[in-house]
Amino acid sequence: MIQDKATNTRNQTPLVGEIPILGNLFKAKDDNITRVELLIAITPRSSRDNGQIRAIARRNFAIRSTWTNVVRSAKLRPIVASSSTRVLR
């Protein structure tokens, strides 16, 4: 899954920024595109031994728990679209 987020920011000094030609000296614009890619890796495993299956499941659960704690400790915030944000698909 790939998500592109385009952000366009425009700032200008009131009144002076609206003057033709000269107003460009009092304006600023910023166009930014951010791409987020989600990659899921799947490793299939087969086994006839129930004990081995349980060991693999415990190991995978421990890895998942570790990553969950890493994300929580990093205090990552979800991407929230604002009025000046377009999400491209």
Protein backbone atom coordinates (compact mmCIF):
# COMPACT_ATOMS: atom_id res chain seq x y z
CA MET A 1 0.00 0.00 0.00
CA ILE A 2 1.40 3.38 -1.00
CA GLN A 3 -0.01 6.72 0.16
CA ASP A 4 1.09 10.09 -1.21
CA LYS A 5 0.26 13.23 0.73
CA ALA A 6 0.57 16.63 -0.97
CA THR A 7 0.71 19.75 1.21
CA ASN A 8 0.48 23.23 -0.26
CA THR A 9 1.20 26.19 2.03
CA ARG A 10 0.80 29.82 0.97
CA ASN A 11 1.68 32.83 3.17
CA GLN A 12 1.64 36.52 2.35
CA THR A 13 1.76 39.87 4.06
CA PRO A 14 -1.73 41.41 4.13
CA LEU A 15 -2.39 44.09 1.48
CA VAL A 16 1.25 44.33 0.31
CA GLY A 17 1.22 40.70 -0.85
CA GLU A 18 -1.70 41.45 -3.19
CA ILE A 19 0.14 44.12 -5.24
CA PRO A 20 0.96 42.78 -8.73
CA ILE A 21 4.66 41.99 -9.33
CA LEU A 22 5.84 43.75 -6.13
CA GLY A 23 3.61 41.48 -4.03
CA ASN A 24 5.78 38.46 -4.92
CA LEU A 25 8.46 39.84 -2.58
CA PHE A 26 5.99 39.53 0.31
CA LYS A 27 4.70 36.01 -0.47
CA ALA A 28 5.96 32.56 0.36
CA LYS A 29 4.79 29.19 -0.90
CA ASP A 30 5.79 25.67 0.02
CA ASP A 31 4.74 22.54 -1.88
CA ASN A 32 5.56 19.26 -0.19
CA ILE A 33 4.81 15.65 -1.20
CA THR A 34 5.28 12.87 1.35
CA ARG A 35 5.12 9.20 0.38
CA VAL A 36 4.35 6.48 2.92
CA GLU A 37 4.76 2.84 1.94
CA LEU A 38 3.45 -0.09 3.95
CA LEU A 39 5.29 -3.34 3.36
CA ILE A 40 4.09 -6.59 4.89
CA ALA A 41 6.47 -9.54 4.81
CA ILE A 42 4.92 -12.97 5.25
CA THR A 43 7.01 -16.07 5.99
CA PRO A 44 5.00 -19.27 5.65
CA ARG A 45 6.01 -22.15 7.93
CA SER A 46 4.69 -25.67 8.03
CA SER A 47 5.13 -28.25 10.74
CA ARG A 48 3.48 -31.45 11.85
CA ASP A 49 4.68 -31.11 15.43
CA ASN A 50 2.28 -29.15 17.69
CA GLY A 51 5.11 -28.22 20.07
CA GLN A 52 7.08 -26.62 17.26
CA ILE A 53 4.00 -24.71 16.09
CA ARG A 54 3.46 -23.37 19.63
CA ALA A 55 7.14 -22.32 19.87
CA ILE A 56 6.91 -20.42 16.57
CA ALA A 57 3.66 -18.75 17.69
CA ARG A 58 5.25 -17.67 21.04
CA ARG A 59 8.32 -16.30 19.24
CA ASN A 60 6.18 -14.32 16.76
CA PHE A 61 4.02 -12.96 19.58
CA ALA A 62 7.14 -11.81 21.47
CA ILE A 63 8.46 -10.03 18.37
CA ARG A 64 5.10 -8.34 17.77
CA SER A 65 4.91 -7.24 21.41
CA THR A 66 8.42 -5.77 21.20
CA TRP A 67 7.51 -3.70 18.12
CA THR A 68 4.27 -2.55 19.74
CA ASN A 69 6.26 -1.26 22.72
CA VAL A 70 8.77 0.47 20.42
CA VAL A 71 5.97 2.30 18.60
CA ARG A 72 4.28 3.30 21.86
CA SER A 73 7.54 4.58 23.38
CA ALA A 74 8.27 6.62 20.23
CA LYS A 75 4.90 8.35 20.71
CA LEU A 76 4.16 8.23 17.00
CA ARG A 77 1.14 10.23 15.94
CA PRO A 78 -1.19 9.11 13.14
CA ILE A 79 -1.36 11.20 9.98
CA VAL A 80 -4.45 13.40 10.10
CA ALA A 81 -5.62 15.20 6.99
CA SER A 82 -6.24 18.90 7.46
CA SER A 83 -8.14 21.30 5.23
CA SER A 84 -4.96 22.16 3.28
CA THR A 85 -3.97 18.51 2.75
CA ARG A 86 -4.91 16.35 -0.20
CA VAL A 87 -4.44 12.60 -0.14
CA LEU A 88 -3.54 11.20 -3.56
CA ARG A 89 -4.43 7.61 -4.41
